[in-house]
Amino acid sequence: MARIAFDKIMDGLEDALAYADGDTSRGRSHQVKVADVDIMHLREKLGLSQDKFAALFGLSARTVRNWEQGVRHPEGPARILLQVIDREPEAVMRALRG
């Protein structure tokens, strides 16, 4: 049993290394496109100050300010979180309340 699992893991690693080296016949790549969110517009739509928006959604106020001023841009999971907040803010609030 352990040997079978080990062999499957090794096969997967070899496929991943081959793919990284350009052999696309051994795997597939999936990219998720997440649209940009106008954070200031989103925050104002919800009627929240920067501080309240940040606190409500588990962000730092400084991060929200930097995003709105264009100093920094949300990446990775933050972009996804903002997209979900934009579409379903109540669902995010319910999930964060536990």
N, C-alpha and C. Protein backbone atom coordinates (compact mmCIF):
# COMPACT_ATOMS: atom_id res chain seq x y z
N MET A 1 0.84 -1.20 0.00
CA MET A 1 0.00 0.00 0.00
C MET A 1 0.87 1.25 0.00
N ALA A 2 1.85 1.30 0.91
CA ALA A 2 2.72 2.47 0.98
C ALA A 2 3.53 2.62 -0.29
N ARG A 3 3.95 1.50 -0.87
CA ARG A 3 4.75 1.55 -2.11
C ARG A 3 3.92 2.12 -3.27
N ILE A 4 2.67 1.74 -3.32
CA ILE A 4 1.78 2.25 -4.38
C ILE A 4 1.60 3.75 -4.23
N ALA A 5 1.38 4.21 -3.01
CA ALA A 5 1.23 5.65 -2.76
C ALA A 5 2.51 6.39 -3.13
N PHE A 6 3.65 5.82 -2.73
CA PHE A 6 4.94 6.43 -3.05
C PHE A 6 5.13 6.54 -4.56
N ASP A 7 4.81 5.48 -5.29
CA ASP A 7 4.98 5.49 -6.74
C ASP A 7 4.08 6.55 -7.40
N LYS A 8 2.86 6.69 -6.91
CA LYS A 8 1.95 7.71 -7.46
C LYS A 8 2.47 9.12 -7.19
N ILE A 9 2.99 9.33 -6.00
CA ILE A 9 3.54 10.63 -5.65
C ILE A 9 4.75 10.94 -6.53
N MET A 10 5.61 9.97 -6.72
CA MET A 10 6.80 10.16 -7.56
C MET A 10 6.41 10.44 -9.01
N ASP A 11 5.40 9.70 -9.51
CA ASP A 11 4.92 9.96 -10.88
C ASP A 11 4.44 11.40 -11.01
N GLY A 12 3.69 11.86 -10.02
CA GLY A 12 3.19 13.23 -10.04
C GLY A 12 4.32 14.24 -10.00
N LEU A 13 5.32 14.00 -9.18
CA LEU A 13 6.47 14.91 -9.11
C LEU A 13 7.23 14.94 -10.43
N GLU A 14 7.41 13.78 -11.04
CA GLU A 14 8.10 13.72 -12.33
C GLU A 14 7.31 14.46 -13.40
N ASP A 15 5.99 14.31 -13.38
CA ASP A 15 5.14 15.05 -14.33
C ASP A 15 5.26 16.56 -14.10
N ALA A 16 5.25 16.97 -12.83
CA ALA A 16 5.35 18.41 -12.51
C ALA A 16 6.69 18.97 -12.98
N LEU A 17 7.77 18.23 -12.74
CA LEU A 17 9.10 18.69 -13.17
C LEU A 17 9.19 18.76 -14.70
N ALA A 18 8.63 17.76 -15.36
CA ALA A 18 8.64 17.77 -16.83
C ALA A 18 7.85 18.95 -17.35
N TYR A 19 6.70 19.22 -16.75
CA TYR A 19 5.87 20.35 -17.17
C TYR A 19 6.62 21.66 -16.96
N ALA A 20 7.29 21.78 -15.82
CA ALA A 20 8.07 22.99 -15.54
C ALA A 20 9.19 23.19 -16.54
N ASP A 21 9.69 22.08 -17.10
CA ASP A 21 10.75 22.15 -18.10
C ASP A 21 10.21 22.32 -19.52
N GLY A 22 8.89 22.44 -19.65
CA GLY A 22 8.31 22.73 -20.96
C GLY A 22 7.59 21.58 -21.62
N ASP A 23 7.57 20.40 -21.01
CA ASP A 23 6.86 19.25 -21.59
C ASP A 23 5.39 19.34 -21.19
N THR A 24 4.60 20.02 -22.01
CA THR A 24 3.19 20.24 -21.67
C THR A 24 2.32 19.02 -21.93
N SER A 25 2.90 17.94 -22.45
CA SER A 25 2.12 16.73 -22.68
C SER A 25 1.85 15.97 -21.39
N ARG A 26 2.53 16.35 -20.31
CA ARG A 26 2.41 15.60 -19.05
C ARG A 26 1.61 16.34 -17.99
N GLY A 27 0.88 17.35 -18.37
CA GLY A 27 0.08 18.06 -17.38
C GLY A 27 -0.68 19.20 -18.01
N ARG A 28 -1.51 19.83 -17.20
CA ARG A 28 -2.28 20.99 -17.64
C ARG A 28 -2.15 22.10 -16.63
N SER A 29 -2.24 23.30 -17.12
CA SER A 29 -2.20 24.47 -16.26
C SER A 29 -3.54 25.18 -16.33
N HIS A 30 -4.05 25.57 -15.18
CA HIS A 30 -5.31 26.30 -15.12
C HIS A 30 -5.06 27.64 -14.46
N GLN A 31 -5.52 28.70 -15.09
CA GLN A 31 -5.39 30.02 -14.50
C GLN A 31 -6.77 30.62 -14.31
N VAL A 32 -6.99 31.15 -13.14
CA VAL A 32 -8.26 31.79 -12.84
C VAL A 32 -8.09 33.29 -13.02
N LYS A 33 -8.94 33.87 -13.81
CA LYS A 33 -8.90 35.32 -14.04
C LYS A 33 -9.84 35.98 -13.04
N VAL A 34 -9.30 36.89 -12.25
CA VAL A 34 -10.10 37.62 -11.27
C VAL A 34 -10.05 39.09 -11.66
N ALA A 35 -11.21 39.65 -11.91
CA ALA A 35 -11.30 41.04 -12.33
C ALA A 35 -10.84 41.98 -11.21
N ASP A 36 -10.35 43.14 -11.61
CA ASP A 36 -10.00 44.16 -10.63
C ASP A 36 -11.26 44.70 -9.98
N VAL A 37 -11.15 45.05 -8.71
CA VAL A 37 -12.26 45.65 -7.98
C VAL A 37 -11.86 47.06 -7.59
N ASP A 38 -12.72 48.03 -7.84
CA ASP A 38 -12.50 49.40 -7.41
C ASP A 38 -12.83 49.44 -5.92
N ILE A 39 -11.81 49.36 -5.10
CA ILE A 39 -12.00 49.23 -3.66
C ILE A 39 -12.74 50.42 -3.07
N MET A 40 -12.39 51.62 -3.50
CA MET A 40 -13.06 52.81 -2.96
C MET A 40 -14.55 52.77 -3.30
N HIS A 41 -14.86 52.43 -4.53
CA HIS A 41 -16.27 52.34 -4.94
C HIS A 41 -16.99 51.26 -4.14
N LEU A 42 -16.36 50.11 -3.97
CA LEU A 42 -16.94 49.03 -3.19
C LEU A 42 -17.20 49.46 -1.75
N ARG A 43 -16.21 50.07 -1.15
CA ARG A 43 -16.32 50.51 0.25
C ARG A 43 -17.44 51.53 0.39
N GLU A 44 -17.48 52.50 -0.53
CA GLU A 44 -18.53 53.53 -0.47
C GLU A 44 -19.91 52.93 -0.74
N LYS A 45 -19.98 51.95 -1.63
CA LYS A 45 -21.25 51.28 -1.91
C LYS A 45 -21.80 50.61 -0.64
N LEU A 46 -20.88 50.11 0.19
CA LEU A 46 -21.28 49.48 1.45
C LEU A 46 -21.49 50.49 2.57
N GLY A 47 -21.15 51.77 2.30
CA GLY A 47 -21.34 52.82 3.29
C GLY A 47 -20.37 52.73 4.45
N LEU A 48 -19.14 52.29 4.17
CA LEU A 48 -18.16 52.09 5.24
C LEU A 48 -16.96 53.01 5.07
N SER A 49 -16.42 53.45 6.20
CA SER A 49 -15.15 54.18 6.18
C SER A 49 -14.04 53.17 5.91
N GLN A 50 -12.85 53.68 5.61
CA GLN A 50 -11.72 52.78 5.39
C GLN A 50 -11.47 51.92 6.63
N ASP A 51 -11.50 52.55 7.80
CA ASP A 51 -11.25 51.81 9.03
C ASP A 51 -12.30 50.73 9.28
N LYS A 52 -13.58 51.05 9.05
CA LYS A 52 -14.64 50.08 9.29
C LYS A 52 -14.59 48.95 8.26
N PHE A 53 -14.33 49.30 7.00
CA PHE A 53 -14.20 48.28 5.95
C PHE A 53 -13.08 47.31 6.31
N ALA A 54 -11.94 47.87 6.70
CA ALA A 54 -10.78 47.04 7.05
C ALA A 54 -11.11 46.12 8.22
N ALA A 55 -11.68 46.67 9.26
CA ALA A 55 -11.99 45.88 10.45
C ALA A 55 -13.02 44.78 10.15
N LEU A 56 -14.02 45.12 9.37
CA LEU A 56 -15.10 44.19 9.08
C LEU A 56 -14.61 42.98 8.28
N PHE A 57 -13.65 43.22 7.38
CA PHE A 57 -13.21 42.14 6.50
C PHE A 57 -11.80 41.62 6.81
N GLY A 58 -11.30 41.96 7.98
CA GLY A 58 -10.02 41.40 8.41
C GLY A 58 -8.80 41.92 7.69
N LEU A 59 -8.86 43.17 7.30
CA LEU A 59 -7.74 43.82 6.61
C LEU A 59 -7.18 44.91 7.50
N SER A 60 -5.99 45.36 7.19
CA SER A 60 -5.47 46.52 7.92
C SER A 60 -5.96 47.79 7.21
N ALA A 61 -6.22 48.82 8.00
CA ALA A 61 -6.65 50.09 7.43
C ALA A 61 -5.58 50.64 6.49
N ARG A 62 -4.34 50.44 6.84
CA ARG A 62 -3.23 50.91 6.00
C ARG A 62 -3.26 50.23 4.63
N THR A 63 -3.55 48.94 4.63
CA THR A 63 -3.64 48.21 3.35
C THR A 63 -4.75 48.78 2.49
N VAL A 64 -5.91 49.02 3.09
CA VAL A 64 -7.04 49.58 2.33
C VAL A 64 -6.66 50.95 1.77
N ARG A 65 -6.03 51.79 2.58
CA ARG A 65 -5.60 53.12 2.11
C ARG A 65 -4.62 52.98 0.94
N ASN A 66 -3.65 52.09 1.09
CA ASN A 66 -2.66 51.90 0.02
C ASN A 66 -3.30 51.42 -1.27
N TRP A 67 -4.28 50.52 -1.17
CA TRP A 67 -4.98 50.06 -2.35
C TRP A 67 -5.74 51.21 -3.01
N GLU A 68 -6.45 51.98 -2.21
CA GLU A 68 -7.26 53.06 -2.78
C GLU A 68 -6.39 54.15 -3.40
N GLN A 69 -5.22 54.39 -2.84
CA GLN A 69 -4.33 55.43 -3.36
C GLN A 69 -3.44 54.91 -4.49
N GLY A 70 -3.52 53.64 -4.80
CA GLY A 70 -2.72 53.07 -5.87
C GLY A 70 -1.27 52.82 -5.49
N VAL A 71 -0.96 52.93 -4.20
CA VAL A 71 0.40 52.66 -3.74
C VAL A 71 0.70 51.18 -3.90
N ARG A 72 -0.29 50.36 -3.60
CA ARG A 72 -0.18 48.90 -3.74
C ARG A 72 -1.45 48.40 -4.42
N HIS A 73 -1.37 47.17 -4.88
CA HIS A 73 -2.53 46.56 -5.54
C HIS A 73 -2.79 45.19 -4.92
N PRO A 74 -4.05 44.86 -4.68
CA PRO A 74 -4.35 43.56 -4.10
C PRO A 74 -3.90 42.43 -5.03
N GLU A 75 -3.38 41.38 -4.43
CA GLU A 75 -2.91 40.23 -5.20
C GLU A 75 -3.46 38.95 -4.60
N GLY A 76 -3.44 37.90 -5.37
CA GLY A 76 -3.77 36.57 -4.90
C GLY A 76 -5.09 36.49 -4.16
N PRO A 77 -5.07 35.92 -2.96
CA PRO A 77 -6.30 35.73 -2.20
C PRO A 77 -7.04 37.04 -1.89
N ALA A 78 -6.31 38.13 -1.74
CA ALA A 78 -6.97 39.42 -1.46
C ALA A 78 -7.85 39.83 -2.63
N ARG A 79 -7.39 39.59 -3.86
CA ARG A 79 -8.21 39.92 -5.04
C ARG A 79 -9.49 39.09 -5.05
N ILE A 80 -9.37 37.83 -4.69
CA ILE A 80 -10.54 36.96 -4.66
C ILE A 80 -11.50 37.40 -3.56
N LEU A 81 -10.95 37.69 -2.37
CA LEU A 81 -11.79 38.17 -1.27
C LEU A 81 -12.56 39.42 -1.69
N LEU A 82 -11.89 40.37 -2.30
CA LEU A 82 -12.55 41.61 -2.73
C LEU A 82 -13.64 41.34 -3.77
N GLN A 83 -13.39 40.40 -4.66
CA GLN A 83 -14.38 40.04 -5.67
C GLN A 83 -15.63 39.45 -4.99
N VAL A 84 -15.43 38.60 -4.00
CA VAL A 84 -16.56 38.00 -3.29
C VAL A 84 -17.29 39.06 -2.47
N ILE A 85 -16.54 39.94 -1.82
CA ILE A 85 -17.17 41.04 -1.07
C ILE A 85 -18.02 41.88 -2.00
N ASP A 86 -17.51 42.15 -3.20
CA ASP A 86 -18.25 42.96 -4.17
C ASP A 86 -19.56 42.29 -4.58
N ARG A 87 -19.54 40.98 -4.74
CA ARG A 87 -20.73 40.27 -5.21
C ARG A 87 -21.65 39.81 -4.08
N GLU A 88 -21.07 39.39 -2.96
CA GLU A 88 -21.86 38.83 -1.87
C GLU A 88 -21.34 39.29 -0.51
N PRO A 89 -21.40 40.59 -0.22
CA PRO A 89 -20.83 41.08 1.04
C PRO A 89 -21.46 40.44 2.28
N GLU A 90 -22.76 40.17 2.22
CA GLU A 90 -23.42 39.57 3.39
C GLU A 90 -22.88 38.18 3.67
N ALA A 91 -22.60 37.41 2.61
CA ALA A 91 -22.06 36.06 2.79
C ALA A 91 -20.71 36.10 3.47
N VAL A 92 -19.87 37.05 3.07
CA VAL A 92 -18.55 37.17 3.68
C VAL A 92 -18.71 37.58 5.14
N MET A 93 -19.58 38.51 5.42
CA MET A 93 -19.79 38.95 6.81
C MET A 93 -20.29 37.80 7.67
N ARG A 94 -21.22 36.99 7.13
CA ARG A 94 -21.73 35.83 7.89
C ARG A 94 -20.60 34.83 8.15
N ALA A 95 -19.79 34.59 7.14
CA ALA A 95 -18.69 33.62 7.28
C ALA A 95 -17.66 34.10 8.30
N LEU A 96 -17.39 35.38 8.32
CA LEU A 96 -16.38 35.91 9.24
C LEU A 96 -16.92 35.99 10.67
N ARG A 97 -18.21 36.09 10.82
CA ARG A 97 -18.79 36.12 12.17
C ARG A 97 -18.72 34.75 12.83
N GLY A 98 -18.61 33.70 12.01
CA GLY A 98 -18.51 32.34 12.55
C GLY A 98 -19.81 31.84 13.02
